[in-house]
Each structure stands twice: as structure tokens, then as C-alpha cells.
Amino acid sequence: MKFNLACLAAILAVPTATACNLDLKWVSNWAEAGYHRYRVQLITTPRNDDDLGVFCEALGRELGQVAWVPNVQCHWNDDGSFVADASFYEGSGGYGDYRHTFYAAADDYRAARGCTTGIDI
């Protein structure tokens, strides 16, 4: 199949889908009733509040697979940031589960939305 320069230019000029991204940024953690609770900020670019819900649903599913108490809460803070809080066991095992769960939820999000993710947890 032959392509001339004009045809190739037309193919390359076809607009692509809008790029989207979800950034996960660790905010804080604290001890609570024998568990360690982690707070992670979620930032979508461009802003898309529906995508925040998609990630939170994925996080709840993933958390249910590793923790006895799947206590995930996603909410807007008073400062206007959107965060996800989740509890894990104290210690290195709980910390590993925290990281695994957020990374797995990010994988689920990428599969569902086709967006990229930046993870700083």
C-alpha cells in the first residue's frame, strides 16, 4: 500500500483523544484503633470529578481483598482537595498492603479510563 505525502499528513493530523491523568499524592498517616490510616490526595487533569469516583470504587474493591476492615472513605477536604482515606494493619505488612492496594486501584483506573497515573505514595 502506498501513501503519498498529502495522505500521510492527513493521517497524522487526525485529532487524538484528550489526554487525562490521575495523580496520587500521599498527604498523611496516623494510628487509629490498632490500624494505620493513610490519606492520599487525588488530582485529575483535566479536572473530572467522575474519575475520582471511578478510582474510589476501584480502591474499595482492591482494599476488600487485603484488609479485614475495608474502611475506605473518599471525600472533599475543607481546603478543596479530594482525598482517599484507608486503614491497614500496623507494621511493614500493612504498609506493603497500603502500597499494593493503591497501585492496584491505579491499574484498575487506567484499564477503565485509559488515563495515565502518577503515583507518589
PDB file of N, CA and C in Angstrom:
ATOM      1  N   MET A   1       0.850  -1.165   0.000  1.00  0.00           N
ATOM      2  CA  MET A   1       0.000   0.000   0.000  1.00  0.00           C
ATOM      3  C   MET A   1       0.897   1.229   0.000  1.00  0.00           C
ATOM      4  N   LYS A   2       0.638   2.147  -0.893  1.00  0.00           N
ATOM      5  CA  LYS A   2       1.451   3.353  -0.994  1.00  0.00           C
ATOM      6  C   LYS A   2       0.707   4.546  -0.400  1.00  0.00           C
ATOM      7  N   PHE A   3       1.462   5.379   0.292  1.00  0.00           N
ATOM      8  CA  PHE A   3       0.932   6.619   0.810  1.00  0.00           C
ATOM      9  C   PHE A   3       1.756   7.762   0.237  1.00  0.00           C
ATOM     10  N   ASN A   4       1.076   8.789  -0.277  1.00  0.00           N
ATOM     11  CA  ASN A   4       1.822   9.965  -0.695  1.00  0.00           C
ATOM     12  C   ASN A   4       1.919  10.924   0.484  1.00  0.00           C
ATOM     13  N   LEU A   5       2.683  11.965   0.330  1.00  0.00           N
ATOM     14  CA  LEU A   5       2.924  12.903   1.415  1.00  0.00           C
ATOM     15  C   LEU A   5       1.641  13.558   1.912  1.00  0.00           C
ATOM     16  N   ALA A   6       0.736  13.905   1.026  1.00  0.00           N
ATOM     17  CA  ALA A   6      -0.523  14.544   1.420  1.00  0.00           C
ATOM     18  C   ALA A   6      -1.384  13.589   2.242  1.00  0.00           C
ATOM     19  N   CYS A   7      -1.414  12.324   1.853  1.00  0.00           N
ATOM     20  CA  CYS A   7      -2.196  11.325   2.578  1.00  0.00           C
ATOM     21  C   CYS A   7      -1.618  11.109   3.974  1.00  0.00           C
ATOM     22  N   LEU A   8      -0.318  10.997   4.072  1.00  0.00           N
ATOM     23  CA  LEU A   8       0.342  10.798   5.357  1.00  0.00           C
ATOM     24  C   LEU A   8       0.102  11.995   6.274  1.00  0.00           C
ATOM     25  N   ALA A   9       0.163  13.194   5.732  1.00  0.00           N
ATOM     26  CA  ALA A   9      -0.088  14.397   6.529  1.00  0.00           C
ATOM     27  C   ALA A   9      -1.520  14.404   7.060  1.00  0.00           C
ATOM     28  N   ALA A  10      -2.484  13.964   6.254  1.00  0.00           N
ATOM     29  CA  ALA A  10      -3.879  13.912   6.683  1.00  0.00           C
ATOM     30  C   ALA A  10      -4.060  12.904   7.809  1.00  0.00           C
ATOM     31  N   ILE A  11      -3.382  11.754   7.719  1.00  0.00           N
ATOM     32  CA  ILE A  11      -3.484  10.732   8.764  1.00  0.00           C
ATOM     33  C   ILE A  11      -2.912  11.260  10.072  1.00  0.00           C
ATOM     34  N   LEU A  12      -1.775  11.922  10.000  1.00  0.00           N
ATOM     35  CA  LEU A  12      -1.132  12.442  11.203  1.00  0.00           C
ATOM     36  C   LEU A  12      -1.886  13.612  11.813  1.00  0.00           C
ATOM     37  N   ALA A  13      -2.717  14.279  11.029  1.00  0.00           N
ATOM     38  CA  ALA A  13      -3.450  15.443  11.524  1.00  0.00           C
ATOM     39  C   ALA A  13      -4.743  15.062  12.234  1.00  0.00           C
ATOM     40  N   VAL A  14      -5.121  13.786  12.232  1.00  0.00           N
ATOM     41  CA  VAL A  14      -6.342  13.349  12.894  1.00  0.00           C
ATOM     42  C   VAL A  14      -6.195  13.610  14.391  1.00  0.00           C
ATOM     43  N   PRO A  15      -7.146  14.331  14.999  1.00  0.00           N
ATOM     44  CA  PRO A  15      -7.021  14.624  16.427  1.00  0.00           C
ATOM     45  C   PRO A  15      -7.115  13.352  17.252  1.00  0.00           C
ATOM     46  N   THR A  16      -6.359  13.333  18.331  1.00  0.00           N
ATOM     47  CA  THR A  16      -6.396  12.185  19.236  1.00  0.00           C
ATOM     48  C   THR A  16      -7.268  12.513  20.430  1.00  0.00           C
ATOM     49  N   ALA A  17      -7.587  11.515  21.208  1.00  0.00           N
ATOM     50  CA  ALA A  17      -8.409  11.716  22.395  1.00  0.00           C
ATOM     51  C   ALA A  17      -7.680  12.632  23.379  1.00  0.00           C
ATOM     52  N   THR A  18      -8.457  13.370  24.151  1.00  0.00           N
ATOM     53  CA  THR A  18      -7.874  14.254  25.146  1.00  0.00           C
ATOM     54  C   THR A  18      -7.123  13.426  26.174  1.00  0.00           C
ATOM     55  N   ALA A  19      -5.908  13.818  26.450  1.00  0.00           N
ATOM     56  CA  ALA A  19      -5.103  13.116  27.449  1.00  0.00           C
ATOM     57  C   ALA A  19      -5.678  13.391  28.832  1.00  0.00           C
ATOM     58  N   CYS A  20      -5.652  12.373  29.659  1.00  0.00           N
ATOM     59  CA  CYS A  20      -6.119  12.535  31.022  1.00  0.00           C
ATOM     60  C   CYS A  20      -5.122  11.871  31.962  1.00  0.00           C
ATOM     61  N   ASN A  21      -5.106  12.360  33.188  1.00  0.00           N
ATOM     62  CA  ASN A  21      -4.153  11.862  34.170  1.00  0.00           C
ATOM     63  C   ASN A  21      -4.769  11.921  35.557  1.00  0.00           C
ATOM     64  N   LEU A  22      -4.401  10.956  36.390  1.00  0.00           N
ATOM     65  CA  LEU A  22      -4.768  10.959  37.806  1.00  0.00           C
ATOM     66  C   LEU A  22      -3.478  10.886  38.599  1.00  0.00           C
ATOM     67  N   ASP A  23      -3.250  11.892  39.456  1.00  0.00           N
ATOM     68  CA  ASP A  23      -2.091  11.882  40.347  1.00  0.00           C
ATOM     69  C   ASP A  23      -2.538  11.479  41.739  1.00  0.00           C
ATOM     70  N   LEU A  24      -1.774  10.585  42.348  1.00  0.00           N
ATOM     71  CA  LEU A  24      -1.997  10.155  43.730  1.00  0.00           C
ATOM     72  C   LEU A  24      -0.827  10.672  44.554  1.00  0.00           C
ATOM     73  N   LYS A  25      -1.114  11.448  45.584  1.00  0.00           N
ATOM     74  CA  LYS A  25      -0.063  12.027  46.421  1.00  0.00           C
ATOM     75  C   LYS A  25      -0.354  11.766  47.889  1.00  0.00           C
ATOM     76  N   TRP A  26       0.609  11.116  48.557  1.00  0.00           N
ATOM     77  CA  TRP A  26       0.465  10.868  49.989  1.00  0.00           C
ATOM     78  C   TRP A  26       0.356  12.208  50.707  1.00  0.00           C
ATOM     79  N   VAL A  27      -0.594  12.294  51.667  1.00  0.00           N
ATOM     80  CA  VAL A  27      -0.796  13.510  52.441  1.00  0.00           C
ATOM     81  C   VAL A  27      -0.373  13.293  53.888  1.00  0.00           C
ATOM     82  N   SER A  28      -0.889  12.227  54.510  1.00  0.00           N
ATOM     83  CA  SER A  28      -0.578  11.973  55.915  1.00  0.00           C
ATOM     84  C   SER A  28      -0.971  10.540  56.276  1.00  0.00           C
ATOM     85  N   ASN A  29      -0.545  10.135  57.451  1.00  0.00           N
ATOM     86  CA  ASN A  29      -0.991   8.864  58.017  1.00  0.00           C
ATOM     87  C   ASN A  29      -0.979   8.988  59.534  1.00  0.00           C
ATOM     88  N   TRP A  30      -1.785   8.154  60.200  1.00  0.00           N
ATOM     89  CA  TRP A  30      -1.895   8.205  61.656  1.00  0.00           C
ATOM     90  C   TRP A  30      -2.388   6.860  62.177  1.00  0.00           C
ATOM     91  N   ALA A  31      -2.150   6.634  63.460  1.00  0.00           N
ATOM     92  CA  ALA A  31      -2.622   5.408  64.115  1.00  0.00           C
ATOM     93  C   ALA A  31      -4.067   5.624  64.554  1.00  0.00           C
ATOM     94  N   GLU A  32      -4.863   4.564  64.381  1.00  0.00           N
ATOM     95  CA  GLU A  32      -6.276   4.664  64.730  1.00  0.00           C
ATOM     96  C   GLU A  32      -6.807   3.275  65.059  1.00  0.00           C
ATOM     97  N   ALA A  33      -7.100   3.026  66.326  1.00  0.00           N
ATOM     98  CA  ALA A  33      -7.732   1.776  66.774  1.00  0.00           C
ATOM     99  C   ALA A  33      -6.961   0.526  66.319  1.00  0.00           C
ATOM    100  N   GLY A  34      -5.643   0.549  66.459  1.00  0.00           N
ATOM    101  CA  GLY A  34      -4.839  -0.614  66.093  1.00  0.00           C
ATOM    102  C   GLY A  34      -4.517  -0.737  64.618  1.00  0.00           C
ATOM    103  N   TYR A  35      -4.943   0.216  63.853  1.00  0.00           N
ATOM    104  CA  TYR A  35      -4.663   0.234  62.422  1.00  0.00           C
ATOM    105  C   TYR A  35      -3.829   1.469  62.095  1.00  0.00           C
ATOM    106  N   HIS A  36      -3.324   1.508  60.894  1.00  0.00           N
ATOM    107  CA  HIS A  36      -2.642   2.692  60.387  1.00  0.00           C
ATOM    108  C   HIS A  36      -3.511   3.226  59.255  1.00  0.00           C
ATOM    109  N   ARG A  37      -3.872   4.482  59.349  1.00  0.00           N
ATOM    110  CA  ARG A  37      -4.755   5.095  58.353  1.00  0.00           C
ATOM    111  C   ARG A  37      -3.914   6.011  57.464  1.00  0.00           C
ATOM    112  N   TYR A  38      -4.081   5.843  56.155  1.00  0.00           N
ATOM    113  CA  TYR A  38      -3.327   6.623  55.181  1.00  0.00           C
ATOM    114  C   TYR A  38      -4.272   7.542  54.422  1.00  0.00           C
ATOM    115  N   ARG A  39      -3.837   8.772  54.204  1.00  0.00           N
ATOM    116  CA  ARG A  39      -4.615   9.731  53.419  1.00  0.00           C
ATOM    117  C   ARG A  39      -3.818  10.068  52.163  1.00  0.00           C
ATOM    118  N   VAL A  40      -4.480   9.934  51.007  1.00  0.00           N
ATOM    119  CA  VAL A  40      -3.855  10.195  49.718  1.00  0.00           C
ATOM    120  C   VAL A  40      -4.738  11.165  48.945  1.00  0.00           C
ATOM    121  N   GLN A  41      -4.134  12.227  48.421  1.00  0.00           N
ATOM    122  CA  GLN A  41      -4.874  13.204  47.611  1.00  0.00           C
ATOM    123  C   GLN A  41      -4.969  12.703  46.173  1.00  0.00           C
ATOM    124  N   LEU A  42      -6.136  12.888  45.563  1.00  0.00           N
ATOM    125  CA  LEU A  42      -6.378  12.516  44.173  1.00  0.00           C
ATOM    126  C   LEU A  42      -6.551  13.785  43.354  1.00  0.00           C
ATOM    127  N   ILE A  43      -5.797  13.891  42.255  1.00  0.00           N
ATOM    128  CA  ILE A  43      -5.865  15.074  41.395  1.00  0.00           C
ATOM    129  C   ILE A  43      -6.034  14.609  39.958  1.00  0.00           C
ATOM    130  N   THR A  44      -7.120  15.017  39.306  1.00  0.00           N
ATOM    131  CA  THR A  44      -7.335  14.672  37.901  1.00  0.00           C
ATOM    132  C   THR A  44      -6.976  15.868  37.020  1.00  0.00           C
ATOM    133  N   THR A  45      -6.382  15.565  35.878  1.00  0.00           N
ATOM    134  CA  THR A  45      -6.039  16.586  34.890  1.00  0.00           C
ATOM    135  C   THR A  45      -6.468  16.094  33.526  1.00  0.00           C
ATOM    136  N   PRO A  46      -7.363  16.780  32.816  1.00  0.00           N
ATOM    137  CA  PRO A  46      -8.126  17.917  33.302  1.00  0.00           C
ATOM    138  C   PRO A  46      -9.085  17.471  34.400  1.00  0.00           C
ATOM    139  N   ARG A  47      -9.604  18.419  35.157  1.00  0.00           N
ATOM    140  CA  ARG A  47     -10.465  18.070  36.284  1.00  0.00           C
ATOM    141  C   ARG A  47     -11.663  17.274  35.792  1.00  0.00           C
ATOM    142  N   ASN A  48     -11.893  16.133  36.460  1.00  0.00           N
ATOM    143  CA  ASN A  48     -13.025  15.274  36.120  1.00  0.00           C
ATOM    144  C   ASN A  48     -13.456  14.566  37.396  1.00  0.00           C
ATOM    145  N   ASP A  49     -14.483  15.094  38.049  1.00  0.00           N
ATOM    146  CA  ASP A  49     -14.936  14.534  39.320  1.00  0.00           C
ATOM    147  C   ASP A  49     -15.445  13.105  39.180  1.00  0.00           C
ATOM    148  N   ASP A  50     -15.973  12.734  38.014  1.00  0.00           N
ATOM    149  CA  ASP A  50     -16.419  11.356  37.801  1.00  0.00           C
ATOM    150  C   ASP A  50     -15.253  10.382  37.916  1.00  0.00           C
ATOM    151  N   ASP A  51     -14.078  10.789  37.437  1.00  0.00           N
ATOM    152  CA  ASP A  51     -12.903   9.925  37.524  1.00  0.00           C
ATOM    153  C   ASP A  51     -12.483   9.675  38.967  1.00  0.00           C
ATOM    154  N   LEU A  52     -12.717  10.648  39.843  1.00  0.00           N
ATOM    155  CA  LEU A  52     -12.403  10.451  41.255  1.00  0.00           C
ATOM    156  C   LEU A  52     -13.242   9.306  41.814  1.00  0.00           C
ATOM    157  N   GLY A  53     -14.512   9.256  41.439  1.00  0.00           N
ATOM    158  CA  GLY A  53     -15.387   8.175  41.876  1.00  0.00           C
ATOM    159  C   GLY A  53     -14.968   6.828  41.317  1.00  0.00           C
ATOM    160  N   VAL A  54     -14.522   6.807  40.062  1.00  0.00           N
ATOM    161  CA  VAL A  54     -14.049   5.563  39.449  1.00  0.00           C
ATOM    162  C   VAL A  54     -12.866   5.015  40.243  1.00  0.00           C
ATOM    163  N   PHE A  55     -11.923   5.898  40.602  1.00  0.00           N
ATOM    164  CA  PHE A  55     -10.774   5.436  41.381  1.00  0.00           C
ATOM    165  C   PHE A  55     -11.205   4.947  42.757  1.00  0.00           C
ATOM    166  N   CYS A  56     -12.098   5.672  43.420  1.00  0.00           N
ATOM    167  CA  CYS A  56     -12.530   5.281  44.769  1.00  0.00           C
ATOM    168  C   CYS A  56     -13.245   3.934  44.766  1.00  0.00           C
ATOM    169  N   GLU A  57     -14.037   3.669  43.741  1.00  0.00           N
ATOM    170  CA  GLU A  57     -14.679   2.356  43.633  1.00  0.00           C
ATOM    171  C   GLU A  57     -13.634   1.265  43.455  1.00  0.00           C
ATOM    172  N   ALA A  58     -12.638   1.519  42.629  1.00  0.00           N
ATOM    173  CA  ALA A  58     -11.555   0.547  42.424  1.00  0.00           C
ATOM    174  C   ALA A  58     -10.777   0.338  43.722  1.00  0.00           C
ATOM    175  N   LEU A  59     -10.537   1.405  44.460  1.00  0.00           N
ATOM    176  CA  LEU A  59      -9.821   1.295  45.730  1.00  0.00           C
ATOM    177  C   LEU A  59     -10.609   0.447  46.719  1.00  0.00           C
ATOM    178  N   GLY A  60     -11.914   0.649  46.797  1.00  0.00           N
ATOM    179  CA  GLY A  60     -12.755  -0.153  47.683  1.00  0.00           C
ATOM    180  C   GLY A  60     -12.715  -1.632  47.328  1.00  0.00           C
ATOM    181  N   ARG A  61     -12.751  -1.951  46.032  1.00  0.00           N
ATOM    182  CA  ARG A  61     -12.660  -3.358  45.605  1.00  0.00           C
ATOM    183  C   ARG A  61     -11.317  -3.954  45.980  1.00  0.00           C
ATOM    184  N   GLU A  62     -10.241  -3.230  45.698  1.00  0.00           N
ATOM    185  CA  GLU A  62      -8.897  -3.729  45.999  1.00  0.00           C
ATOM    186  C   GLU A  62      -8.676  -3.858  47.502  1.00  0.00           C
ATOM    187  N   LEU A  63      -9.165  -2.903  48.263  1.00  0.00           N
ATOM    188  CA  LEU A  63      -8.989  -2.919  49.708  1.00  0.00           C
ATOM    189  C   LEU A  63      -9.715  -4.104  50.326  1.00  0.00           C
ATOM    190  N   GLY A  64     -10.864  -4.454  49.789  1.00  0.00           N
ATOM    191  CA  GLY A  64     -11.616  -5.601  50.288  1.00  0.00           C
ATOM    192  C   GLY A  64     -10.870  -6.914  50.121  1.00  0.00           C
ATOM    193  N   GLN A  65      -9.875  -6.952  49.246  1.00  0.00           N
ATOM    194  CA  GLN A  65      -9.108  -8.171  49.019  1.00  0.00           C
ATOM    195  C   GLN A  65      -7.931  -8.332  49.980  1.00  0.00           C
ATOM    196  N   VAL A  66      -7.495  -7.242  50.650  1.00  0.00           N
ATOM    197  CA  VAL A  66      -6.310  -7.347  51.505  1.00  0.00           C
ATOM    198  C   VAL A  66      -6.560  -7.032  52.968  1.00  0.00           C
ATOM    199  N   ALA A  67      -7.648  -6.393  53.316  1.00  0.00           N
ATOM    200  CA  ALA A  67      -7.856  -5.955  54.698  1.00  0.00           C
ATOM    201  C   ALA A  67      -9.128  -6.561  55.283  1.00  0.00           C
ATOM    202  N   TRP A  68      -9.055  -6.834  56.561  1.00  0.00           N
ATOM    203  CA  TRP A  68     -10.247  -7.351  57.250  1.00  0.00           C
ATOM    204  C   TRP A  68     -11.284  -6.260  57.435  1.00  0.00           C
ATOM    205  N   VAL A  69     -10.838  -5.046  57.542  1.00  0.00           N
ATOM    206  CA  VAL A  69     -11.746  -3.918  57.737  1.00  0.00           C
ATOM    207  C   VAL A  69     -11.601  -2.969  56.547  1.00  0.00           C
ATOM    208  N   PRO A  70     -12.351  -3.215  55.467  1.00  0.00           N
ATOM    209  CA  PRO A  70     -12.217  -2.363  54.279  1.00  0.00           C
ATOM    210  C   PRO A  70     -12.872  -1.003  54.496  1.00  0.00           C
ATOM    211  N   ASN A  71     -12.200  -0.142  55.247  1.00  0.00           N
ATOM    212  CA  ASN A  71     -12.758   1.153  55.632  1.00  0.00           C
ATOM    213  C   ASN A  71     -12.170   2.253  54.757  1.00  0.00           C
ATOM    214  N   VAL A  72     -12.652   2.355  53.532  1.00  0.00           N
ATOM    215  CA  VAL A  72     -12.174   3.413  52.639  1.00  0.00           C
ATOM    216  C   VAL A  72     -13.195   4.537  52.608  1.00  0.00           C
ATOM    217  N   GLN A  73     -12.690   5.754  52.684  1.00  0.00           N
ATOM    218  CA  GLN A  73     -13.546   6.928  52.606  1.00  0.00           C
ATOM    219  C   GLN A  73     -12.919   7.907  51.624  1.00  0.00           C
ATOM    220  N   CYS A  74     -13.697   8.360  50.673  1.00  0.00           N
ATOM    221  CA  CYS A  74     -13.262   9.373  49.717  1.00  0.00           C
ATOM    222  C   CYS A  74     -14.127  10.601  49.943  1.00  0.00           C
ATOM    223  N   HIS A  75     -13.478  11.762  50.038  1.00  0.00           N
ATOM    224  CA  HIS A  75     -14.246  12.970  50.350  1.00  0.00           C
ATOM    225  C   HIS A  75     -13.455  14.217  49.989  1.00  0.00           C
ATOM    226  N   TRP A  76     -14.185  15.334  49.910  1.00  0.00           N
ATOM    227  CA  TRP A  76     -13.572  16.641  49.697  1.00  0.00           C
ATOM    228  C   TRP A  76     -13.167  17.201  51.051  1.00  0.00           C
ATOM    229  N   ASN A  77     -11.953  17.714  51.145  1.00  0.00           N
ATOM    230  CA  ASN A  77     -11.484  18.400  52.351  1.00  0.00           C
ATOM    231  C   ASN A  77     -11.942  19.850  52.329  1.00  0.00           C
ATOM    232  N   ASP A  78     -11.851  20.497  53.480  1.00  0.00           N
ATOM    233  CA  ASP A  78     -12.217  21.912  53.573  1.00  0.00           C
ATOM    234  C   ASP A  78     -11.339  22.792  52.686  1.00  0.00           C
ATOM    235  N   ASP A  79     -10.110  22.343  52.396  1.00  0.00           N
ATOM    236  CA  ASP A  79      -9.214  23.136  51.558  1.00  0.00           C
ATOM    237  C   ASP A  79      -9.467  22.947  50.058  1.00  0.00           C
ATOM    238  N   GLY A  80     -10.492  22.163  49.710  1.00  0.00           N
ATOM    239  CA  GLY A  80     -10.853  21.957  48.310  1.00  0.00           C
ATOM    240  C   GLY A  80     -10.170  20.779  47.647  1.00  0.00           C
ATOM    241  N   SER A  81      -9.352  20.055  48.396  1.00  0.00           N
ATOM    242  CA  SER A  81      -8.695  18.871  47.832  1.00  0.00           C
ATOM    243  C   SER A  81      -9.586  17.646  48.022  1.00  0.00           C
ATOM    244  N   PHE A  82      -9.426  16.672  47.127  1.00  0.00           N
ATOM    245  CA  PHE A  82     -10.171  15.423  47.213  1.00  0.00           C
ATOM    246  C   PHE A  82      -9.203  14.358  47.692  1.00  0.00           C
ATOM    247  N   VAL A  83      -9.586  13.615  48.751  1.00  0.00           N
ATOM    248  CA  VAL A  83      -8.690  12.626  49.339  1.00  0.00           C
ATOM    249  C   VAL A  83      -9.376  11.281  49.504  1.00  0.00           C
ATOM    250  N   ALA A  84      -8.545  10.242  49.581  1.00  0.00           N
ATOM    251  CA  ALA A  84      -8.995   8.894  49.912  1.00  0.00           C
ATOM    252  C   ALA A  84      -8.282   8.486  51.193  1.00  0.00           C
ATOM    253  N   ASP A  85      -9.052   8.042  52.182  1.00  0.00           N
ATOM    254  CA  ASP A  85      -8.507   7.531  53.441  1.00  0.00           C
ATOM    255  C   ASP A  85      -8.767   6.039  53.491  1.00  0.00           C
ATOM    256  N   ALA A  86      -7.777   5.265  53.940  1.00  0.00           N
ATOM    257  CA  ALA A  86      -7.957   3.819  54.068  1.00  0.00           C
ATOM    258  C   ALA A  86      -7.128   3.309  55.232  1.00  0.00           C
ATOM    259  N   SER A  87      -7.639   2.287  55.917  1.00  0.00           N
ATOM    260  CA  SER A  87      -6.961   1.703  57.072  1.00  0.00           C
ATOM    261  C   SER A  87      -6.301   0.380  56.711  1.00  0.00           C
ATOM    262  N   PHE A  88      -5.112   0.170  57.295  1.00  0.00           N
ATOM    263  CA  PHE A  88      -4.364  -1.078  57.117  1.00  0.00           C
ATOM    264  C   PHE A  88      -3.762  -1.454  58.451  1.00  0.00           C
ATOM    265  N   TYR A  89      -3.351  -2.704  58.585  1.00  0.00           N
ATOM    266  CA  TYR A  89      -2.700  -3.151  59.812  1.00  0.00           C
ATOM    267  C   TYR A  89      -1.441  -2.347  60.061  1.00  0.00           C
ATOM    268  N   GLU A  90      -1.087  -2.195  61.346  1.00  0.00           N
ATOM    269  CA  GLU A  90       0.174  -1.550  61.715  1.00  0.00           C
ATOM    270  C   GLU A  90       1.341  -2.406  61.231  1.00  0.00           C
ATOM    271  N   GLY A  91       2.482  -1.790  60.970  1.00  0.00           N
ATOM    272  CA  GLY A  91       3.698  -2.519  60.641  1.00  0.00           C
ATOM    273  C   GLY A  91       3.979  -2.605  59.160  1.00  0.00           C
ATOM    274  N   SER A  92       5.074  -3.310  58.857  1.00  0.00           N
ATOM    275  CA  SER A  92       5.536  -3.376  57.467  1.00  0.00           C
ATOM    276  C   SER A  92       4.553  -4.117  56.564  1.00  0.00           C
ATOM    277  N   GLY A  93       3.865  -5.127  57.086  1.00  0.00           N
ATOM    278  CA  GLY A  93       2.874  -5.834  56.278  1.00  0.00           C
ATOM    279  C   GLY A  93       1.722  -4.929  55.868  1.00  0.00           C
ATOM    280  N   GLY A  94       1.248  -4.114  56.795  1.00  0.00           N
ATOM    281  CA  GLY A  94       0.180  -3.168  56.498  1.00  0.00           C
ATOM    282  C   GLY A  94       0.631  -2.097  55.525  1.00  0.00           C
ATOM    283  N   TYR A  95       1.887  -1.645  55.690  1.00  0.00           N
ATOM    284  CA  TYR A  95       2.433  -0.651  54.769  1.00  0.00           C
ATOM    285  C   TYR A  95       2.528  -1.235  53.354  1.00  0.00           C
ATOM    286  N   GLY A  96       2.961  -2.479  53.254  1.00  0.00           N
ATOM    287  CA  GLY A  96       3.013  -3.140  51.947  1.00  0.00           C
ATOM    288  C   GLY A  96       1.635  -3.276  51.330  1.00  0.00           C
ATOM    289  N   ASP A  97       0.643  -3.620  52.165  1.00  0.00           N
ATOM    290  CA  ASP A  97      -0.728  -3.723  51.662  1.00  0.00           C
ATOM    291  C   ASP A  97      -1.253  -2.364  51.187  1.00  0.00           C
ATOM    292  N   TYR A  98      -0.918  -1.313  51.930  1.00  0.00           N
ATOM    293  CA  TYR A  98      -1.315   0.048  51.524  1.00  0.00           C
ATOM    294  C   TYR A  98      -0.781   0.368  50.137  1.00  0.00           C
ATOM    295  N   ARG A  99       0.509   0.174  49.937  1.00  0.00           N
ATOM    296  CA  ARG A  99       1.111   0.484  48.633  1.00  0.00           C
ATOM    297  C   ARG A  99       0.538  -0.411  47.534  1.00  0.00           C
ATOM    298  N   HIS A 100       0.430  -1.711  47.816  1.00  0.00           N
ATOM    299  CA  HIS A 100      -0.114  -2.641  46.819  1.00  0.00           C
ATOM    300  C   HIS A 100      -1.544  -2.242  46.425  1.00  0.00           C
ATOM    301  N   THR A 101      -2.350  -1.899  47.415  1.00  0.00           N
ATOM    302  CA  THR A 101      -3.755  -1.585  47.161  1.00  0.00           C
ATOM    303  C   THR A 101      -3.908  -0.327  46.309  1.00  0.00           C
ATOM    304  N   PHE A 102      -3.168   0.729  46.625  1.00  0.00           N
ATOM    305  CA  PHE A 102      -3.274   1.958  45.837  1.00  0.00           C
ATOM    306  C   PHE A 102      -2.735   1.761  44.425  1.00  0.00           C
ATOM    307  N   TYR A 103      -1.637   1.009  44.277  1.00  0.00           N
ATOM    308  CA  TYR A 103      -1.111   0.733  42.933  1.00  0.00           C
ATOM    309  C   TYR A 103      -2.096  -0.123  42.131  1.00  0.00           C
ATOM    310  N   ALA A 104      -2.702  -1.132  42.766  1.00  0.00           N
ATOM    311  CA  ALA A 104      -3.664  -1.990  42.064  1.00  0.00           C
ATOM    312  C   ALA A 104      -4.902  -1.191  41.654  1.00  0.00           C
ATOM    313  N   ALA A 105      -5.376  -0.293  42.528  1.00  0.00           N
ATOM    314  CA  ALA A 105      -6.527   0.552  42.187  1.00  0.00           C
ATOM    315  C   ALA A 105      -6.163   1.479  41.024  1.00  0.00           C
ATOM    316  N   ALA A 106      -4.930   1.972  40.994  1.00  0.00           N
ATOM    317  CA  ALA A 106      -4.481   2.808  39.870  1.00  0.00           C
ATOM    318  C   ALA A 106      -4.471   1.991  38.576  1.00  0.00           C
ATOM    319  N   ASP A 107      -4.042   0.729  38.644  1.00  0.00           N
ATOM    320  CA  ASP A 107      -4.086  -0.149  37.462  1.00  0.00           C
ATOM    321  C   ASP A 107      -5.523  -0.324  36.977  1.00  0.00           C
ATOM    322  N   ASP A 108      -6.450  -0.561  37.918  1.00  0.00           N
ATOM    323  CA  ASP A 108      -7.868  -0.711  37.564  1.00  0.00           C
ATOM    324  C   ASP A 108      -8.400   0.570  36.918  1.00  0.00           C
ATOM    325  N   TYR A 109      -8.025   1.709  37.477  1.00  0.00           N
ATOM    326  CA  TYR A 109      -8.450   3.003  36.947  1.00  0.00           C
ATOM    327  C   TYR A 109      -7.943   3.187  35.513  1.00  0.00           C
ATOM    328  N   ARG A 110      -6.654   2.889  35.289  1.00  0.00           N
ATOM    329  CA  ARG A 110      -6.077   3.022  33.941  1.00  0.00           C
ATOM    330  C   ARG A 110      -6.822   2.135  32.948  1.00  0.00           C
ATOM    331  N   ALA A 111      -7.147   0.914  33.372  1.00  0.00           N
ATOM    332  CA  ALA A 111      -7.863  -0.011  32.491  1.00  0.00           C
ATOM    333  C   ALA A 111      -9.268   0.512  32.177  1.00  0.00           C
ATOM    334  N   ALA A 112      -9.929   1.099  33.165  1.00  0.00           N
ATOM    335  CA  ALA A 112     -11.304   1.578  32.977  1.00  0.00           C
ATOM    336  C   ALA A 112     -11.373   2.871  32.184  1.00  0.00           C
ATOM    337  N   ARG A 113     -10.409   3.772  32.389  1.00  0.00           N
ATOM    338  CA  ARG A 113     -10.489   5.112  31.818  1.00  0.00           C
ATOM    339  C   ARG A 113      -9.487   5.368  30.695  1.00  0.00           C
ATOM    340  N   GLY A 114      -8.444   4.571  30.615  1.00  0.00           N
ATOM    341  CA  GLY A 114      -7.429   4.801  29.605  1.00  0.00           C
ATOM    342  C   GLY A 114      -6.560   6.007  29.892  1.00  0.00           C
ATOM    343  N   CYS A 115      -6.532   6.438  31.130  1.00  0.00           N
ATOM    344  CA  CYS A 115      -5.736   7.594  31.532  1.00  0.00           C
ATOM    345  C   CYS A 115      -4.417   7.137  32.153  1.00  0.00           C
ATOM    346  N   THR A 116      -3.483   8.049  32.224  1.00  0.00           N
ATOM    347  CA  THR A 116      -2.227   7.750  32.899  1.00  0.00           C
ATOM    348  C   THR A 116      -2.379   8.062  34.393  1.00  0.00           C
ATOM    349  N   THR A 117      -1.452   7.550  35.177  1.00  0.00           N
ATOM    350  CA  THR A 117      -1.447   7.851  36.603  1.00  0.00           C
ATOM    351  C   THR A 117      -0.030   8.211  37.028  1.00  0.00           C
ATOM    352  N   GLY A 118       0.036   9.125  37.968  1.00  0.00           N
ATOM    353  CA  GLY A 118       1.286   9.470  38.625  1.00  0.00           C
ATOM    354  C   GLY A 118       1.129   9.130  40.093  1.00  0.00           C
ATOM    355  N   ILE A 119       2.039   8.341  40.626  1.00  0.00           N
ATOM    356  CA  ILE A 119       1.877   7.852  41.989  1.00  0.00           C
ATOM    357  C   ILE A 119       3.061   8.280  42.834  1.00  0.00           C
ATOM    358  N   ASP A 120       2.770   9.028  43.902  1.00  0.00           N
ATOM    359  CA  ASP A 120       3.784   9.489  44.851  1.00  0.00           C
ATOM    360  C   ASP A 120       3.292   9.179  46.253  1.00  0.00           C
ATOM    361  N   ILE A 121       3.305   7.898  46.570  1.00  0.00           N
ATOM    362  CA  ILE A 121       2.819   7.487  47.888  1.00  0.00           C
ATOM    363  C   ILE A 121       3.948   6.829  48.652  1.00  0.00           C
TER     364      ILE A 121
END
